[in-house]
């Protein structure tokens, strides 16, 4: 007895014992976290990556609350509730633990995949472009395990639910076949990688723009008009894709078609066109621009100015500046730009082949006679 308090009698009270166990578990969780953190920090500090530090930080919260919840479950047994109350209280405690660890495993999976993709080579399976695919797979597996653990926590018959889930899955599959098609197409797009974030693409459906997001259901692009377009993945997977940013380099070649009049000096035309391309800041110096004499057209000589631009989205702006500069340069140099010309010959029909139009009753026939007079 201390200060008039009989601690033996006080400890004999179930409520006091339950509170003490819960508080002790919480304190034990804090101490455990501190000890584990210090010990593991010494180990992770010797590694060259911060991946293990981030994983350790993500596990702090679930470890603390797991120890606290174990103490709370023990305290509930001390209180000695009836079976129904014990069933629901313990079920809630287990559910909270499942939610905590599910969230933590989501974060750990994302951290691990990000680290793995940063260390992967060009031929590795896990790359920055495939992270969404593997991240989705990790979340599906963790979610399935969480649902299974949740059912076990509440003593639910898992076999019966699995059978029901199979039937429900068939019904959902038929009802949401378009959505499922988009999901599978998204998997194939992420795995095959016909384009990546930041690429400038043309789809078979006519959309053209920069890829800003690749999702499991759709792909988002932003056009030159700053309009965001959402394209279903199934439409992309079944059509042709032109990736203007693909290939060995992101630089792209543009073609400016120019026609000059017959009789023009071919060498002078080539020299003027090359000078225009070399003076344009949007045209790359390497590869160097070039001019090709393509064909003899109906109205003039057809040339083509070829130049390389740094990004595909610059095509419209550089084409405009080159066309303007070519037109002005041709005017200064006296080079004529032809336009279509046609000679039209009008041939008059012979007099014997002319057809006289029919004359109505009461109207004058050719020669001034009426139709009735012509008959008489």
Protein backbone atom coordinates (compact mmCIF):
# COMPACT_ATOMS: atom_id res chain seq x y z
CA UNK A 1 0.00 0.00 0.00
CA UNK A 2 1.35 3.42 -0.98
CA UNK A 3 -0.26 6.78 -0.21
CA UNK A 4 -3.28 4.92 1.03
CA UNK A 5 -3.72 3.05 -2.28
CA UNK A 6 -3.80 -0.72 -2.28
CA UNK A 7 -2.23 -1.54 -5.66
CA UNK A 8 -3.00 -5.24 -5.34
CA UNK A 9 -6.71 -4.54 -5.06
CA UNK A 10 -6.47 -1.92 -7.82
CA UNK A 11 -4.69 -4.38 -10.15
CA UNK A 12 -7.37 -6.92 -9.46
CA UNK A 13 -9.89 -4.66 -11.20
CA UNK A 14 -10.33 -5.87 -14.83
CA UNK A 15 -10.74 -2.36 -16.24
CA UNK A 16 -7.54 -1.09 -14.64
CA UNK A 17 -5.65 -4.15 -15.85
CA UNK A 18 -7.02 -3.69 -19.39
CA UNK A 19 -6.01 -0.01 -19.50
CA UNK A 20 -2.57 -0.85 -18.16
CA UNK A 21 -2.06 -3.56 -20.78
CA UNK A 22 -3.13 -1.22 -23.58
CA UNK A 23 -0.85 1.60 -22.43
CA UNK A 24 2.00 -0.87 -21.91
CA UNK A 25 1.55 -2.18 -25.44
CA UNK A 26 1.60 1.35 -26.86
CA UNK A 27 4.77 2.14 -24.90
CA UNK A 28 6.28 -1.14 -26.05
CA UNK A 29 5.45 -0.24 -29.65
CA UNK A 30 7.24 3.09 -29.31
CA UNK A 31 10.30 1.47 -27.75
CA UNK A 32 10.32 -1.28 -30.37
CA UNK A 33 10.14 1.29 -33.16
CA UNK A 34 13.01 3.29 -31.70
CA UNK A 35 15.22 0.25 -31.19
CA UNK A 36 14.48 -1.23 -34.58
CA UNK A 37 14.95 2.15 -36.25
CA UNK A 38 18.35 2.69 -34.65
CA UNK A 39 19.58 -0.83 -35.37
CA UNK A 40 18.36 -0.88 -38.95
CA UNK A 41 19.53 2.67 -39.56
CA UNK A 42 23.07 1.56 -38.78
CA UNK A 43 22.70 -1.16 -41.41
CA UNK A 44 21.00 0.97 -44.08
CA UNK A 45 23.48 3.84 -43.63
CA UNK A 46 26.16 1.61 -45.15
CA UNK A 47 24.22 1.09 -48.37
CA UNK A 48 24.46 3.38 -51.41
CA UNK A 49 20.73 3.81 -51.88
CA UNK A 50 18.00 5.43 -49.81
CA UNK A 51 15.48 2.77 -50.85
CA UNK A 52 15.85 0.79 -47.63
CA UNK A 53 15.56 3.96 -45.54
CA UNK A 54 12.28 4.84 -47.25
CA UNK A 55 10.92 1.31 -46.76
CA UNK A 56 11.88 1.41 -43.07
CA UNK A 57 10.09 4.74 -42.70
CA UNK A 58 6.98 3.34 -44.38
CA UNK A 59 6.88 0.41 -41.91
CA UNK A 60 7.16 2.52 -38.73
CA UNK A 61 3.47 3.26 -38.40
CA UNK A 62 2.07 -0.25 -39.03
CA UNK A 63 4.64 -1.81 -36.66
CA UNK A 64 3.71 0.55 -33.82
CA UNK A 65 -0.03 0.13 -34.30
CA UNK A 66 0.26 -3.66 -34.64
CA UNK A 67 1.89 -3.93 -31.21
CA UNK A 68 -0.69 -1.53 -29.76
CA UNK A 69 -3.59 -3.47 -31.29
CA UNK A 70 -2.20 -6.77 -29.94
CA UNK A 71 -2.19 -5.21 -26.49
CA UNK A 72 -5.74 -3.95 -27.01
CA UNK A 73 -6.91 -7.45 -28.01
CA UNK A 74 -5.26 -8.88 -24.90
CA UNK A 75 -6.93 -6.22 -22.78
CA UNK A 76 -10.32 -7.18 -24.24
CA UNK A 77 -9.82 -10.77 -23.06
CA UNK A 78 -9.09 -9.48 -19.57
CA UNK A 79 -12.39 -7.62 -19.49
CA UNK A 80 -14.15 -10.88 -20.29
CA UNK A 81 -16.94 -9.67 -22.59
CA UNK A 82 -19.61 -12.00 -23.95
CA UNK A 83 -18.93 -13.92 -27.14
CA UNK A 84 -20.85 -11.53 -29.40
CA UNK A 85 -19.08 -8.42 -28.12
CA UNK A 86 -15.70 -10.16 -28.23
CA UNK A 87 -16.34 -11.27 -31.84
CA UNK A 88 -17.09 -7.75 -33.07
CA UNK A 89 -14.36 -5.99 -31.07
CA UNK A 90 -11.62 -8.39 -32.13
CA UNK A 91 -12.92 -8.31 -35.71
CA UNK A 92 -12.62 -4.51 -35.78
CA UNK A 93 -9.08 -4.69 -34.35
CA UNK A 94 -8.01 -7.20 -37.00
CA UNK A 95 -9.63 -5.11 -39.74
CA UNK A 96 -7.71 -2.00 -38.67
CA UNK A 97 -4.48 -4.03 -38.75
CA UNK A 98 -5.28 -5.30 -42.25
CA UNK A 99 -5.93 -1.76 -43.53
CA UNK A 100 -2.68 -0.45 -41.99
CA UNK A 101 -0.53 -3.18 -43.50
CA UNK A 102 -2.27 -2.98 -46.88
CA UNK A 103 -1.52 0.74 -47.13
CA UNK A 104 2.06 0.18 -46.01
CA UNK A 105 2.64 -2.60 -48.54
CA UNK A 106 1.28 -0.35 -51.31
CA UNK A 107 3.92 2.23 -50.44
CA UNK A 108 6.69 -0.36 -50.10
CA UNK A 109 5.82 -1.83 -53.50
CA UNK A 110 5.93 1.59 -55.17
CA UNK A 111 9.26 2.45 -53.52
CA UNK A 112 10.82 -0.87 -54.53
CA UNK A 113 9.60 -0.67 -58.14
CA UNK A 114 10.83 2.91 -58.52
CA UNK A 115 14.25 1.93 -57.22
CA UNK A 116 14.36 -1.18 -59.41
CA UNK A 117 13.45 0.81 -62.55
CA UNK A 118 16.19 3.37 -61.84
CA UNK A 119 18.78 0.59 -61.75
CA UNK A 120 17.44 -1.31 -64.78
CA UNK A 121 19.10 -1.38 -68.16
CA UNK A 122 17.46 -0.80 -71.51
CA UNK A 123 16.46 -4.48 -71.82
CA UNK A 124 15.17 -4.94 -68.27
CA UNK A 125 11.53 -5.81 -67.66
CA UNK A 126 10.97 -3.17 -64.97
CA UNK A 127 11.56 0.26 -66.50
CA UNK A 128 10.08 3.71 -65.82
CA UNK A 129 7.53 3.15 -68.59
CA UNK A 130 6.41 -0.21 -67.13
CA UNK A 131 6.14 0.96 -63.50
CA UNK A 132 2.36 1.58 -63.74
CA UNK A 133 1.84 -1.98 -64.99
CA UNK A 134 3.83 -3.63 -62.21
CA UNK A 135 2.49 -1.21 -59.61
CA UNK A 136 -1.05 -2.20 -60.58
CA UNK A 137 -0.11 -5.87 -60.36
CA UNK A 138 1.37 -5.43 -56.87
CA UNK A 139 -1.74 -3.59 -55.71
CA UNK A 140 -4.02 -6.30 -57.10
CA UNK A 141 -2.08 -9.03 -55.28
CA UNK A 142 -1.93 -7.08 -52.01
CA UNK A 143 -5.62 -6.20 -52.24
CA UNK A 144 -6.57 -9.83 -52.85
CA UNK A 145 -4.50 -10.93 -49.85
CA UNK A 146 -6.07 -8.17 -47.74
CA UNK A 147 -9.60 -9.26 -48.70
CA UNK A 148 -8.76 -12.88 -47.88
CA UNK A 149 -7.31 -11.87 -44.48
CA UNK A 150 -10.33 -9.67 -43.80
CA UNK A 151 -12.69 -12.58 -44.39
CA UNK A 152 -10.65 -14.81 -42.10
CA UNK A 153 -10.77 -12.08 -39.43
CA UNK A 154 -14.56 -12.21 -39.44
CA UNK A 155 -14.76 -16.01 -39.80
CA UNK A 156 -16.41 -15.74 -43.21
CA UNK A 157 -16.62 -18.84 -45.40
CA UNK A 158 -14.07 -18.06 -48.08
CA UNK A 159 -14.98 -21.00 -50.33
CA UNK A 160 -18.56 -19.86 -50.78
CA UNK A 161 -17.48 -16.31 -51.54
CA UNK A 162 -14.95 -17.50 -54.11
CA UNK A 163 -17.66 -19.43 -55.95
CA UNK A 164 -19.95 -16.40 -55.87
CA UNK A 165 -17.10 -14.19 -57.04
CA UNK A 166 -16.58 -16.46 -60.06
CA UNK A 167 -20.20 -16.12 -61.15
CA UNK A 168 -20.15 -12.39 -60.44
CA UNK A 169 -16.94 -12.05 -62.43
CA UNK A 170 -18.57 -13.60 -65.50
CA UNK A 171 -21.52 -11.22 -65.25
CA UNK A 172 -19.25 -8.22 -64.84
CA UNK A 173 -17.09 -9.42 -67.74
CA UNK A 174 -20.05 -9.44 -70.13
CA UNK A 175 -21.39 -6.13 -68.85
CA UNK A 176 -18.07 -4.29 -68.93
CA UNK A 177 -16.41 -5.88 -71.94
CA UNK A 178 -15.37 -2.49 -73.36
CA UNK A 179 -13.75 -1.47 -70.10
CA UNK A 180 -11.95 -4.81 -69.84
CA UNK A 181 -10.77 -4.45 -73.45
CA UNK A 182 -9.33 -1.05 -72.57
CA UNK A 183 -7.59 -2.51 -69.51
CA UNK A 184 -5.96 -5.33 -71.48
CA UNK A 185 -4.99 -2.87 -74.21
CA UNK A 186 -3.41 -0.68 -71.53
CA UNK A 187 -1.35 -3.64 -70.32
CA UNK A 188 -0.14 -4.34 -73.86
CA UNK A 189 0.68 -0.67 -74.46
CA UNK A 190 2.72 -0.46 -71.26
CA UNK A 191 4.50 -3.73 -72.07
CA UNK A 192 5.13 -3.07 -75.77
CA UNK A 193 5.80 0.68 -75.30
CA UNK A 194 4.88 2.04 -78.76
CA UNK A 195 5.21 5.48 -77.16
CA UNK A 196 6.17 6.98 -73.81
CA UNK A 197 5.41 10.09 -71.81
CA UNK A 198 6.43 13.22 -73.70
CA UNK A 199 6.33 11.61 -77.15
CA UNK A 200 4.56 13.37 -80.02
CA UNK A 201 2.21 10.87 -81.67
CA UNK A 202 -0.36 10.59 -84.44
CA UNK A 203 -3.16 8.07 -83.92
CA UNK A 204 -5.10 6.36 -86.69
CA UNK A 205 -8.26 8.08 -85.47
CA UNK A 206 -6.72 11.45 -86.38
CA UNK A 207 -5.59 12.77 -82.99
CA UNK A 208 -2.11 14.32 -82.83
CA UNK A 209 -0.34 15.66 -79.79
CA UNK A 210 2.05 15.09 -76.90
CA UNK A 211 1.47 12.14 -74.57
CA UNK A 212 0.97 13.43 -71.01
CA UNK A 213 -0.45 10.34 -69.30
CA UNK A 214 -0.61 6.61 -70.01
CA UNK A 215 -3.27 4.94 -67.90
CA UNK A 216 -4.68 1.45 -67.68
CA UNK A 217 -7.89 2.51 -69.44
CA UNK A 218 -6.92 5.43 -71.67
CA UNK A 219 -4.11 7.64 -72.92
CA UNK A 220 -4.19 11.42 -72.61
CA UNK A 221 -2.58 13.70 -75.18
CA UNK A 222 -2.38 17.49 -75.43
CA UNK A 223 -2.74 18.96 -78.92
CA UNK A 224 -1.05 22.08 -80.31
CA UNK A 225 -4.24 23.96 -79.36
CA UNK A 226 -3.64 23.04 -75.68
CA UNK A 227 -6.68 20.77 -75.74
CA UNK A 228 -6.46 17.53 -73.78
CA UNK A 229 -7.86 14.49 -75.58
CA UNK A 230 -8.57 11.19 -73.85
CA UNK A 231 -8.21 8.23 -76.25
CA UNK A 232 -9.38 4.73 -75.14
CA UNK A 233 -6.55 2.24 -75.14
CA UNK A 234 -8.54 -0.29 -77.17
CA UNK A 235 -8.84 2.21 -80.04
CA UNK A 236 -5.09 2.79 -79.94
CA UNK A 237 -4.16 -0.89 -79.77
CA UNK A 238 -6.27 -1.73 -82.84
CA UNK A 239 -4.99 1.14 -85.00
CA UNK A 240 -1.79 2.46 -86.50
CA UNK A 241 0.38 4.73 -84.34
CA UNK A 242 2.90 7.19 -85.77
CA UNK A 243 5.41 8.12 -83.08
CA UNK A 244 7.08 11.29 -84.33
CA UNK A 245 9.42 11.24 -81.32
CA UNK A 246 10.48 7.64 -81.88
CA UNK A 247 13.49 6.30 -83.73
CA UNK A 248 17.19 6.84 -82.98
CA UNK A 249 16.68 10.59 -82.45
CA UNK A 250 13.85 12.90 -81.45
CA UNK A 251 14.82 15.29 -84.28
CA UNK A 252 12.51 15.18 -87.30
CA UNK A 253 12.88 16.17 -90.96
CA UNK A 254 10.43 18.52 -92.65
CA UNK A 255 9.88 18.94 -96.37
CA UNK A 256 9.09 22.23 -98.09
CA UNK A 257 7.84 21.71 -101.66
CA UNK A 258 8.64 24.60 -104.02
CA UNK A 259 7.91 25.06 -107.72
CA UNK A 260 9.70 27.52 -110.07
CA UNK A 261 8.97 28.51 -113.62
CA UNK A 262 10.56 26.77 -116.58
CA UNK A 263 13.68 28.60 -117.68
CA UNK A 264 14.83 29.32 -114.09
CA UNK A 265 18.49 28.76 -113.18
CA UNK A 266 18.50 25.44 -111.28
CA UNK A 267 21.77 26.18 -109.46
CA UNK A 268 20.51 29.59 -108.39
CA UNK A 269 17.28 28.07 -107.03
CA UNK A 270 19.23 25.50 -105.00
CA UNK A 271 21.57 28.15 -103.64
CA UNK A 272 18.71 30.43 -102.55
CA UNK A 273 16.81 27.60 -100.87
CA UNK A 274 19.90 26.43 -98.96
CA UNK A 275 20.64 29.98 -97.82
CA UNK A 276 17.08 30.31 -96.50
CA UNK A 277 17.30 27.04 -94.56
CA UNK A 278 20.73 27.84 -93.10
CA UNK A 279 19.52 31.25 -91.90
CA UNK A 280 16.45 29.87 -90.12
CA UNK A 281 17.12 29.34 -86.36
CA UNK A 282 14.59 26.51 -86.20
CA UNK A 283 16.51 24.35 -88.70
CA UNK A 284 19.34 22.26 -87.25
CA UNK A 285 22.86 22.70 -88.61
CA UNK A 286 23.52 18.97 -88.26
CA UNK A 287 22.24 17.11 -90.22
CA UNK A 288 22.70 19.89 -92.74
CA UNK A 289 19.72 21.02 -94.84
CA UNK A 290 19.65 20.01 -98.48
CA UNK A 291 17.72 20.68 -101.69
CA UNK A 292 16.46 18.11 -104.17
CA UNK A 293 15.22 18.64 -107.75
CA UNK A 294 12.31 16.23 -107.74
CA UNK A 295 10.46 16.40 -111.08
CA UNK A 296 9.34 18.32 -114.15
CA UNK A 297 5.86 19.50 -113.27
CA UNK A 298 2.98 20.50 -115.51
CA UNK A 299 3.57 24.19 -114.87
CA UNK A 300 7.18 24.36 -113.58
CA UNK A 301 10.16 22.65 -111.99
CA UNK A 302 9.46 20.94 -108.64
CA UNK A 303 12.06 21.28 -105.87
CA UNK A 304 12.04 20.10 -102.25
CA UNK A 305 13.83 21.79 -99.36
CA UNK A 306 14.74 19.27 -96.61
CA UNK A 307 15.69 20.36 -93.11
CA UNK A 308 15.79 18.88 -89.62
CA UNK A 309 14.03 20.33 -86.58
CA UNK A 310 14.76 19.62 -82.92
CA UNK A 311 11.25 18.58 -81.82
CA UNK A 312 8.26 17.31 -83.83
CA UNK A 313 5.95 19.99 -82.40
CA UNK A 314 8.10 22.67 -84.10
CA UNK A 315 7.03 21.49 -87.56
CA UNK A 316 4.20 23.99 -88.10
CA UNK A 317 6.19 27.01 -86.85
CA UNK A 318 9.33 26.22 -88.87
CA UNK A 319 7.29 25.42 -92.00
CA UNK A 320 5.65 28.84 -91.76
CA UNK A 321 8.96 30.68 -91.34
CA UNK A 322 10.59 28.79 -94.24
CA UNK A 323 7.67 29.38 -96.60
CA UNK A 324 7.73 33.10 -95.79
CA UNK A 325 11.49 33.36 -96.24
CA UNK A 326 11.45 31.41 -99.54
CA UNK A 327 8.74 33.63 -101.00
CA UNK A 328 10.64 36.80 -100.07
CA UNK A 329 13.97 35.43 -101.33
CA UNK A 330 12.47 34.42 -104.69
CA UNK A 331 11.04 37.91 -105.06
CA UNK A 332 14.43 39.51 -104.42
CA UNK A 333 16.23 37.15 -106.81
CA UNK A 334 13.64 37.42 -109.56
CA UNK A 335 12.77 33.73 -109.47
CA UNK A 336 9.24 33.19 -110.65
CA UNK A 337 6.84 30.85 -108.88
CA UNK A 338 4.56 29.31 -111.54
CA UNK A 339 0.84 28.87 -111.34
CA UNK A 340 -1.32 26.49 -113.38
CA UNK A 341 -2.08 27.73 -116.92
CA UNK A 342 -4.47 26.22 -119.44
CA UNK A 343 -5.18 27.07 -123.10
CA UNK A 344 -8.90 26.82 -123.87
CA UNK A 345 -9.88 26.35 -127.54
CA UNK A 346 -13.53 27.05 -128.47
CA UNK A 347 -14.72 25.19 -131.58
CA UNK A 348 -17.99 26.39 -133.23
CA UNK A 349 -20.39 23.69 -134.46
CA UNK A 350 -21.29 23.62 -138.24
CA UNK A 351 -24.59 25.35 -139.22
CA UNK A 352 -26.12 22.07 -140.45
CA UNK A 353 -25.53 20.49 -137.04
CA UNK A 354 -27.42 23.18 -135.12
CA UNK A 355 -30.67 22.03 -133.57
CA UNK A 356 -33.69 24.33 -133.61
CA UNK A 357 -35.52 24.46 -130.32
CA UNK A 358 -39.23 23.36 -130.40
CA UNK A 359 -41.76 26.19 -130.79
CA UNK A 360 -44.86 26.39 -128.64
CA UNK A 361 -48.36 27.18 -130.05
CA UNK A 362 -48.84 30.85 -130.86
CA UNK A 363 -45.09 31.65 -130.77
CA UNK A 364 -43.13 32.83 -133.79
CA UNK A 365 -41.18 30.19 -135.67
CA UNK A 366 -37.78 30.90 -137.20
CA UNK A 367 -38.18 33.23 -140.11
CA UNK A 368 -41.09 35.20 -138.51
CA UNK A 369 -43.88 32.69 -139.32
CA UNK A 370 -46.14 31.30 -136.69
CA UNK A 371 -46.32 27.58 -135.99
CA UNK A 372 -49.77 27.35 -137.62
CA UNK A 373 -48.58 29.25 -140.70
CA UNK A 374 -45.63 26.95 -141.03
CA UNK A 375 -48.00 24.01 -141.15
CA UNK A 376 -50.15 25.63 -143.83
